[in-house]
Amino acid sequence: MALFLAGPTALAGCTASAPAPEGPDPLEAPARRAESDVALAAAVAQAHSTLAATARALAADRAAHAVTLRAELHRVHPDPVPTSTAQPVPPVVPPPVSPDAAAARTALTEAMRAAQDEAAALVITLPGYRAALLASVAACCATHTALLT
């Protein structure tokens, strides 16, 4: 009889939701990086006709990453943060692009490696869908790195 009475109390602990994590969402940094990579790739495509097709393909993939990551961020945090506690986010500005095509290719390669490393490091820290989302981002960035080298 004691087990029967303790059952609802014991089960209540199984259904309680975990407290929301403090600090920024872990997907915020990869989303910002994807947006920055789009700006870099667009600038490279504009400056170097020999890299334009590769840079445009990279920009399209990273734009898709940014949109998908932002959608997930909005799904988890549908309400905007009150302006009194919101951190201002600077707009993404296209970086200066080297006039040397090899240096521009290196900049794209380094950006893809950094994005891959960031996403891969977060994969093991996140649950299910979010981990799979970042694993997909890491795989895509690895593919672009291979194509650039």
N, C-alpha and C. Protein backbone atom coordinates (compact mmCIF):
# COMPACT_ATOMS: atom_id res chain seq x y z
N MET A 1 0.81 -1.18 0.00
CA MET A 1 0.00 0.00 0.00
C MET A 1 0.86 1.27 0.00
N ALA A 2 1.98 1.24 0.70
CA ALA A 2 2.86 2.41 0.75
C ALA A 2 3.43 2.73 -0.62
N LEU A 3 3.74 1.70 -1.41
CA LEU A 3 4.25 1.92 -2.77
C LEU A 3 3.21 2.60 -3.63
N PHE A 4 1.95 2.18 -3.48
CA PHE A 4 0.87 2.77 -4.24
C PHE A 4 0.74 4.27 -3.94
N LEU A 5 0.86 4.64 -2.67
CA LEU A 5 0.73 6.04 -2.27
C LEU A 5 1.95 6.86 -2.69
N ALA A 6 3.10 6.24 -2.72
CA ALA A 6 4.31 6.97 -3.11
C ALA A 6 4.42 7.11 -4.62
N GLY A 7 3.67 6.30 -5.37
CA GLY A 7 3.76 6.30 -6.83
C GLY A 7 3.60 7.67 -7.46
N PRO A 8 2.50 8.40 -7.18
CA PRO A 8 2.33 9.70 -7.81
C PRO A 8 3.45 10.68 -7.47
N THR A 9 3.93 10.63 -6.24
CA THR A 9 5.02 11.52 -5.85
C THR A 9 6.29 11.16 -6.60
N ALA A 10 6.58 9.88 -6.70
CA ALA A 10 7.78 9.44 -7.41
C ALA A 10 7.69 9.78 -8.89
N LEU A 11 6.50 9.61 -9.47
CA LEU A 11 6.33 9.92 -10.89
C LEU A 11 6.37 11.42 -11.16
N ALA A 12 6.00 12.21 -10.19
CA ALA A 12 6.03 13.65 -10.39
C ALA A 12 7.44 14.13 -10.71
N GLY A 13 8.43 13.50 -10.11
CA GLY A 13 9.81 13.87 -10.40
C GLY A 13 10.21 13.55 -11.83
N CYS A 14 9.57 12.57 -12.43
CA CYS A 14 9.89 12.19 -13.81
C CYS A 14 9.29 13.14 -14.82
N THR A 15 8.27 13.88 -14.43
CA THR A 15 7.59 14.73 -15.39
C THR A 15 7.97 16.20 -15.27
N ALA A 16 8.69 16.56 -14.25
CA ALA A 16 9.06 17.96 -14.09
C ALA A 16 10.02 18.36 -15.20
N SER A 17 9.81 19.54 -15.74
CA SER A 17 10.69 19.99 -16.82
C SER A 17 11.97 20.56 -16.21
N ALA A 18 13.03 20.43 -16.96
CA ALA A 18 14.32 20.96 -16.51
C ALA A 18 14.27 22.48 -16.59
N PRO A 19 14.97 23.15 -15.68
CA PRO A 19 14.98 24.61 -15.75
C PRO A 19 15.69 25.07 -17.02
N ALA A 20 15.25 26.19 -17.52
CA ALA A 20 15.86 26.74 -18.74
C ALA A 20 17.31 27.10 -18.47
N PRO A 21 18.21 26.79 -19.39
CA PRO A 21 19.62 27.11 -19.18
C PRO A 21 19.83 28.63 -19.17
N GLU A 22 20.77 29.04 -18.38
CA GLU A 22 21.11 30.46 -18.30
C GLU A 22 22.06 30.81 -19.43
N GLY A 23 22.08 32.06 -19.80
CA GLY A 23 23.00 32.52 -20.82
C GLY A 23 22.43 32.37 -22.23
N PRO A 24 23.25 32.70 -23.21
CA PRO A 24 22.78 32.64 -24.59
C PRO A 24 22.57 31.20 -25.05
N ASP A 25 21.67 31.04 -25.98
CA ASP A 25 21.41 29.73 -26.57
C ASP A 25 22.67 29.28 -27.31
N PRO A 26 23.06 28.01 -27.18
CA PRO A 26 24.28 27.55 -27.84
C PRO A 26 24.22 27.62 -29.37
N LEU A 27 23.02 27.74 -29.94
CA LEU A 27 22.93 27.85 -31.41
C LEU A 27 23.12 29.28 -31.91
N GLU A 28 23.16 30.24 -31.00
CA GLU A 28 23.33 31.63 -31.41
C GLU A 28 24.67 31.86 -32.12
N ALA A 29 25.74 31.34 -31.56
CA ALA A 29 27.07 31.55 -32.17
C ALA A 29 27.17 30.90 -33.56
N PRO A 30 26.72 29.66 -33.74
CA PRO A 30 26.76 29.09 -35.10
C PRO A 30 25.87 29.85 -36.09
N ALA A 31 24.76 30.39 -35.61
CA ALA A 31 23.90 31.18 -36.50
C ALA A 31 24.61 32.45 -36.94
N ARG A 32 25.24 33.13 -36.00
CA ARG A 32 25.99 34.36 -36.33
C ARG A 32 27.16 34.03 -37.26
N ARG A 33 27.84 32.91 -37.01
CA ARG A 33 28.96 32.53 -37.87
C ARG A 33 28.46 32.25 -39.29
N ALA A 34 27.33 31.58 -39.41
CA ALA A 34 26.77 31.29 -40.74
C ALA A 34 26.45 32.59 -41.47
N GLU A 35 25.87 33.55 -40.76
CA GLU A 35 25.56 34.84 -41.37
C GLU A 35 26.84 35.57 -41.80
N SER A 36 27.86 35.49 -40.99
CA SER A 36 29.15 36.10 -41.33
C SER A 36 29.78 35.41 -42.54
N ASP A 37 29.66 34.09 -42.59
CA ASP A 37 30.21 33.34 -43.72
C ASP A 37 29.51 33.70 -45.03
N VAL A 38 28.22 33.95 -44.96
CA VAL A 38 27.47 34.38 -46.15
C VAL A 38 28.05 35.69 -46.66
N ALA A 39 28.29 36.63 -45.75
CA ALA A 39 28.84 37.93 -46.14
C ALA A 39 30.24 37.78 -46.75
N LEU A 40 31.07 36.93 -46.13
CA LEU A 40 32.41 36.70 -46.66
C LEU A 40 32.35 36.07 -48.05
N ALA A 41 31.54 35.04 -48.21
CA ALA A 41 31.45 34.36 -49.51
C ALA A 41 30.91 35.29 -50.59
N ALA A 42 29.93 36.11 -50.25
CA ALA A 42 29.40 37.07 -51.22
C ALA A 42 30.46 38.08 -51.63
N ALA A 43 31.25 38.53 -50.67
CA ALA A 43 32.32 39.48 -50.98
C ALA A 43 33.38 38.83 -51.86
N VAL A 44 33.72 37.58 -51.59
CA VAL A 44 34.71 36.86 -52.41
C VAL A 44 34.16 36.66 -53.82
N ALA A 45 32.91 36.27 -53.94
CA ALA A 45 32.29 36.07 -55.26
C ALA A 45 32.31 37.37 -56.06
N GLN A 46 32.08 38.47 -55.40
CA GLN A 46 32.08 39.78 -56.07
C GLN A 46 33.48 40.18 -56.51
N ALA A 47 34.49 39.87 -55.71
CA ALA A 47 35.85 40.32 -55.98
C ALA A 47 36.64 39.40 -56.90
N HIS A 48 36.29 38.12 -56.96
CA HIS A 48 37.10 37.14 -57.70
C HIS A 48 36.23 36.27 -58.59
N SER A 49 36.26 36.54 -59.87
CA SER A 49 35.42 35.78 -60.81
C SER A 49 35.83 34.30 -60.84
N THR A 50 37.10 34.00 -60.58
CA THR A 50 37.54 32.61 -60.59
C THR A 50 37.00 31.81 -59.41
N LEU A 51 36.60 32.49 -58.35
CA LEU A 51 36.04 31.83 -57.17
C LEU A 51 34.53 32.04 -57.05
N ALA A 52 33.94 32.76 -57.99
CA ALA A 52 32.55 33.17 -57.85
C ALA A 52 31.59 32.00 -57.70
N ALA A 53 31.71 31.00 -58.55
CA ALA A 53 30.76 29.87 -58.48
C ALA A 53 30.89 29.12 -57.16
N THR A 54 32.11 28.86 -56.74
CA THR A 54 32.34 28.17 -55.48
C THR A 54 31.84 29.00 -54.30
N ALA A 55 32.15 30.29 -54.33
CA ALA A 55 31.73 31.17 -53.24
C ALA A 55 30.22 31.31 -53.18
N ARG A 56 29.56 31.39 -54.34
CA ARG A 56 28.09 31.49 -54.35
C ARG A 56 27.45 30.22 -53.79
N ALA A 57 27.99 29.06 -54.14
CA ALA A 57 27.46 27.79 -53.60
C ALA A 57 27.65 27.74 -52.09
N LEU A 58 28.80 28.17 -51.63
CA LEU A 58 29.08 28.21 -50.20
C LEU A 58 28.11 29.18 -49.51
N ALA A 59 27.91 30.35 -50.11
CA ALA A 59 27.00 31.35 -49.53
C ALA A 59 25.58 30.80 -49.45
N ALA A 60 25.15 30.08 -50.48
CA ALA A 60 23.79 29.51 -50.47
C ALA A 60 23.63 28.49 -49.34
N ASP A 61 24.62 27.63 -49.17
CA ASP A 61 24.55 26.63 -48.10
C ASP A 61 24.58 27.29 -46.73
N ARG A 62 25.47 28.26 -46.56
CA ARG A 62 25.56 28.91 -45.25
C ARG A 62 24.33 29.76 -44.96
N ALA A 63 23.70 30.32 -46.00
CA ALA A 63 22.45 31.06 -45.80
C ALA A 63 21.36 30.10 -45.33
N ALA A 64 21.33 28.91 -45.92
CA ALA A 64 20.35 27.90 -45.47
C ALA A 64 20.62 27.51 -44.03
N HIS A 65 21.90 27.40 -43.65
CA HIS A 65 22.23 27.09 -42.26
C HIS A 65 21.72 28.20 -41.34
N ALA A 66 21.99 29.44 -41.72
CA ALA A 66 21.57 30.57 -40.88
C ALA A 66 20.06 30.59 -40.70
N VAL A 67 19.32 30.37 -41.78
CA VAL A 67 17.85 30.38 -41.71
C VAL A 67 17.37 29.24 -40.81
N THR A 68 17.93 28.06 -40.97
CA THR A 68 17.50 26.91 -40.18
C THR A 68 17.86 27.08 -38.71
N LEU A 69 19.05 27.57 -38.43
CA LEU A 69 19.45 27.80 -37.04
C LEU A 69 18.59 28.88 -36.40
N ARG A 70 18.29 29.94 -37.14
CA ARG A 70 17.43 31.00 -36.60
C ARG A 70 16.01 30.47 -36.35
N ALA A 71 15.53 29.60 -37.24
CA ALA A 71 14.20 29.01 -37.04
C ALA A 71 14.17 28.17 -35.76
N GLU A 72 15.23 27.41 -35.52
CA GLU A 72 15.30 26.61 -34.30
C GLU A 72 15.40 27.51 -33.07
N LEU A 73 16.18 28.57 -33.16
CA LEU A 73 16.27 29.51 -32.05
C LEU A 73 14.89 30.12 -31.76
N HIS A 74 14.17 30.47 -32.80
CA HIS A 74 12.83 31.05 -32.62
C HIS A 74 11.85 30.01 -32.07
N ARG A 75 12.00 28.77 -32.48
CA ARG A 75 11.12 27.71 -31.97
C ARG A 75 11.28 27.56 -30.46
N VAL A 76 12.52 27.59 -30.01
CA VAL A 76 12.79 27.40 -28.58
C VAL A 76 12.53 28.68 -27.79
N HIS A 77 12.78 29.81 -28.39
CA HIS A 77 12.60 31.11 -27.72
C HIS A 77 11.68 31.97 -28.59
N PRO A 78 10.38 31.68 -28.62
CA PRO A 78 9.49 32.41 -29.53
C PRO A 78 9.29 33.88 -29.17
N ASP A 79 9.42 34.20 -27.90
CA ASP A 79 9.23 35.59 -27.49
C ASP A 79 10.55 36.33 -27.53
N PRO A 80 10.55 37.52 -28.09
CA PRO A 80 11.80 38.29 -28.08
C PRO A 80 12.20 38.64 -26.66
N VAL A 81 13.49 38.76 -26.45
CA VAL A 81 14.02 39.13 -25.14
C VAL A 81 13.68 40.60 -24.90
N PRO A 82 13.23 40.94 -23.69
CA PRO A 82 12.94 42.35 -23.40
C PRO A 82 14.16 43.22 -23.68
N THR A 83 13.93 44.40 -24.21
CA THR A 83 15.04 45.26 -24.62
C THR A 83 15.94 45.67 -23.47
N SER A 84 15.44 45.67 -22.24
CA SER A 84 16.27 46.07 -21.11
C SER A 84 17.38 45.04 -20.83
N THR A 85 17.17 43.77 -21.22
CA THR A 85 18.19 42.75 -20.98
C THR A 85 18.82 42.25 -22.27
N ALA A 86 18.33 42.71 -23.40
CA ALA A 86 18.85 42.22 -24.68
C ALA A 86 20.24 42.78 -24.94
N GLN A 87 21.09 41.93 -25.44
CA GLN A 87 22.43 42.35 -25.85
C GLN A 87 22.33 42.85 -27.29
N PRO A 88 22.83 44.03 -27.59
CA PRO A 88 22.77 44.49 -28.98
C PRO A 88 23.65 43.59 -29.86
N VAL A 89 23.10 43.22 -31.00
CA VAL A 89 23.84 42.36 -31.92
C VAL A 89 24.24 43.21 -33.12
N PRO A 90 25.55 43.37 -33.34
CA PRO A 90 25.97 44.19 -34.47
C PRO A 90 25.59 43.53 -35.79
N PRO A 91 25.26 44.33 -36.80
CA PRO A 91 24.93 43.75 -38.10
C PRO A 91 26.16 43.10 -38.73
N VAL A 92 25.90 42.13 -39.58
CA VAL A 92 26.99 41.46 -40.27
C VAL A 92 27.46 42.37 -41.40
N VAL A 93 28.72 42.70 -41.37
CA VAL A 93 29.32 43.57 -42.38
C VAL A 93 30.29 42.72 -43.20
N PRO A 94 30.22 42.80 -44.54
CA PRO A 94 31.16 42.02 -45.33
C PRO A 94 32.60 42.40 -44.98
N PRO A 95 33.43 41.41 -44.74
CA PRO A 95 34.82 41.71 -44.41
C PRO A 95 35.58 42.16 -45.65
N PRO A 96 36.70 42.83 -45.45
CA PRO A 96 37.52 43.16 -46.61
C PRO A 96 38.07 41.87 -47.23
N VAL A 97 38.10 41.84 -48.54
CA VAL A 97 38.57 40.64 -49.25
C VAL A 97 39.90 40.97 -49.88
N SER A 98 40.83 40.06 -49.75
CA SER A 98 42.15 40.23 -50.33
C SER A 98 42.04 40.30 -51.85
N PRO A 99 42.84 41.15 -52.47
CA PRO A 99 42.85 41.19 -53.94
C PRO A 99 43.49 39.93 -54.54
N ASP A 100 44.16 39.16 -53.71
CA ASP A 100 44.80 37.92 -54.15
C ASP A 100 43.79 36.77 -54.03
N ALA A 101 43.53 36.11 -55.15
CA ALA A 101 42.53 35.02 -55.17
C ALA A 101 42.92 33.88 -54.22
N ALA A 102 44.21 33.57 -54.14
CA ALA A 102 44.66 32.49 -53.26
C ALA A 102 44.38 32.85 -51.79
N ALA A 103 44.60 34.09 -51.43
CA ALA A 103 44.32 34.52 -50.06
C ALA A 103 42.82 34.51 -49.77
N ALA A 104 42.03 34.88 -50.77
CA ALA A 104 40.57 34.84 -50.61
C ALA A 104 40.09 33.40 -50.44
N ARG A 105 40.66 32.48 -51.21
CA ARG A 105 40.32 31.06 -51.07
C ARG A 105 40.70 30.56 -49.68
N THR A 106 41.86 30.98 -49.21
CA THR A 106 42.30 30.59 -47.87
C THR A 106 41.34 31.13 -46.80
N ALA A 107 40.87 32.35 -46.98
CA ALA A 107 39.93 32.93 -46.02
C ALA A 107 38.64 32.11 -45.98
N LEU A 108 38.14 31.70 -47.14
CA LEU A 108 36.94 30.85 -47.19
C LEU A 108 37.20 29.50 -46.52
N THR A 109 38.36 28.92 -46.81
CA THR A 109 38.71 27.62 -46.24
C THR A 109 38.79 27.70 -44.72
N GLU A 110 39.44 28.73 -44.22
CA GLU A 110 39.56 28.90 -42.77
C GLU A 110 38.20 29.14 -42.13
N ALA A 111 37.33 29.88 -42.80
CA ALA A 111 35.99 30.12 -42.26
C ALA A 111 35.20 28.80 -42.18
N MET A 112 35.34 27.96 -43.20
CA MET A 112 34.63 26.68 -43.19
C MET A 112 35.18 25.74 -42.12
N ARG A 113 36.49 25.74 -41.95
CA ARG A 113 37.08 24.90 -40.89
C ARG A 113 36.61 25.35 -39.52
N ALA A 114 36.59 26.67 -39.32
CA ALA A 114 36.15 27.20 -38.03
C ALA A 114 34.68 26.86 -37.77
N ALA A 115 33.85 26.98 -38.79
CA ALA A 115 32.43 26.65 -38.64
C ALA A 115 32.24 25.16 -38.36
N GLN A 116 33.00 24.34 -39.07
CA GLN A 116 32.94 22.89 -38.86
C GLN A 116 33.34 22.55 -37.44
N ASP A 117 34.45 23.11 -36.98
CA ASP A 117 34.94 22.82 -35.63
C ASP A 117 33.94 23.27 -34.56
N GLU A 118 33.38 24.46 -34.75
CA GLU A 118 32.41 24.98 -33.78
C GLU A 118 31.18 24.08 -33.71
N ALA A 119 30.64 23.72 -34.87
CA ALA A 119 29.44 22.88 -34.91
C ALA A 119 29.73 21.50 -34.32
N ALA A 120 30.87 20.91 -34.70
CA ALA A 120 31.21 19.57 -34.21
C ALA A 120 31.38 19.56 -32.69
N ALA A 121 31.96 20.61 -32.15
CA ALA A 121 32.16 20.68 -30.70
C ALA A 121 30.83 20.78 -29.95
N LEU A 122 29.85 21.43 -30.56
CA LEU A 122 28.55 21.57 -29.91
C LEU A 122 27.67 20.34 -30.03
N VAL A 123 27.91 19.52 -31.04
CA VAL A 123 27.06 18.34 -31.29
C VAL A 123 26.90 17.49 -30.05
N ILE A 124 27.99 17.20 -29.37
CA ILE A 124 27.93 16.30 -28.22
C ILE A 124 27.29 16.93 -26.98
N THR A 125 27.06 18.24 -27.03
CA THR A 125 26.49 18.92 -25.88
C THR A 125 24.99 19.14 -26.00
N LEU A 126 24.42 18.83 -27.15
CA LEU A 126 23.01 19.16 -27.41
C LEU A 126 22.17 17.91 -27.59
N PRO A 127 20.88 18.03 -27.32
CA PRO A 127 19.98 16.88 -27.49
C PRO A 127 19.56 16.70 -28.94
N GLY A 128 19.17 15.49 -29.27
CA GLY A 128 18.55 15.04 -30.51
C GLY A 128 18.61 15.93 -31.73
N TYR A 129 17.49 16.60 -32.00
CA TYR A 129 17.35 17.38 -33.22
C TYR A 129 18.43 18.43 -33.35
N ARG A 130 18.73 19.12 -32.27
CA ARG A 130 19.73 20.18 -32.33
C ARG A 130 21.12 19.60 -32.64
N ALA A 131 21.43 18.46 -32.07
CA ALA A 131 22.70 17.80 -32.37
C ALA A 131 22.76 17.40 -33.84
N ALA A 132 21.67 16.84 -34.34
CA ALA A 132 21.62 16.44 -35.75
C ALA A 132 21.74 17.64 -36.67
N LEU A 133 21.11 18.73 -36.31
CA LEU A 133 21.19 19.96 -37.10
C LEU A 133 22.63 20.43 -37.20
N LEU A 134 23.32 20.46 -36.08
CA LEU A 134 24.72 20.92 -36.10
C LEU A 134 25.64 19.90 -36.75
N ALA A 135 25.34 18.62 -36.65
CA ALA A 135 26.14 17.61 -37.35
C ALA A 135 26.02 17.81 -38.85
N SER A 136 24.84 18.15 -39.32
CA SER A 136 24.63 18.42 -40.74
C SER A 136 25.42 19.66 -41.17
N VAL A 137 25.41 20.69 -40.34
CA VAL A 137 26.18 21.90 -40.63
C VAL A 137 27.67 21.57 -40.71
N ALA A 138 28.15 20.81 -39.74
CA ALA A 138 29.57 20.43 -39.72
C ALA A 138 29.94 19.64 -40.97
N ALA A 139 29.09 18.70 -41.39
CA ALA A 139 29.36 17.90 -42.57
C ALA A 139 29.40 18.75 -43.83
N CYS A 140 28.48 19.68 -43.94
CA CYS A 140 28.45 20.57 -45.11
C CYS A 140 29.71 21.44 -45.15
N CYS A 141 30.09 21.98 -44.00
CA CYS A 141 31.29 22.81 -43.95
C CYS A 141 32.55 21.99 -44.28
N ALA A 142 32.59 20.74 -43.85
CA ALA A 142 33.72 19.87 -44.19
C ALA A 142 33.77 19.63 -45.69
N THR A 143 32.62 19.49 -46.31
CA THR A 143 32.57 19.31 -47.77
C THR A 143 33.10 20.54 -48.49
N HIS A 144 32.69 21.72 -48.03
CA HIS A 144 33.19 22.96 -48.65
C HIS A 144 34.70 23.10 -48.44
N THR A 145 35.17 22.72 -47.26
CA THR A 145 36.62 22.77 -47.00
C THR A 145 37.35 21.88 -47.99
N ALA A 146 36.85 20.67 -48.19
CA ALA A 146 37.49 19.74 -49.14
C ALA A 146 37.47 20.31 -50.55
N LEU A 147 36.38 20.94 -50.93
CA LEU A 147 36.29 21.49 -52.29
C LEU A 147 37.20 22.70 -52.48
N LEU A 148 37.46 23.41 -51.42
CA LEU A 148 38.32 24.59 -51.51
C LEU A 148 39.81 24.27 -51.48
N THR A 149 40.17 23.09 -51.00
CA THR A 149 41.59 22.76 -50.89
C THR A 149 42.04 21.84 -52.01
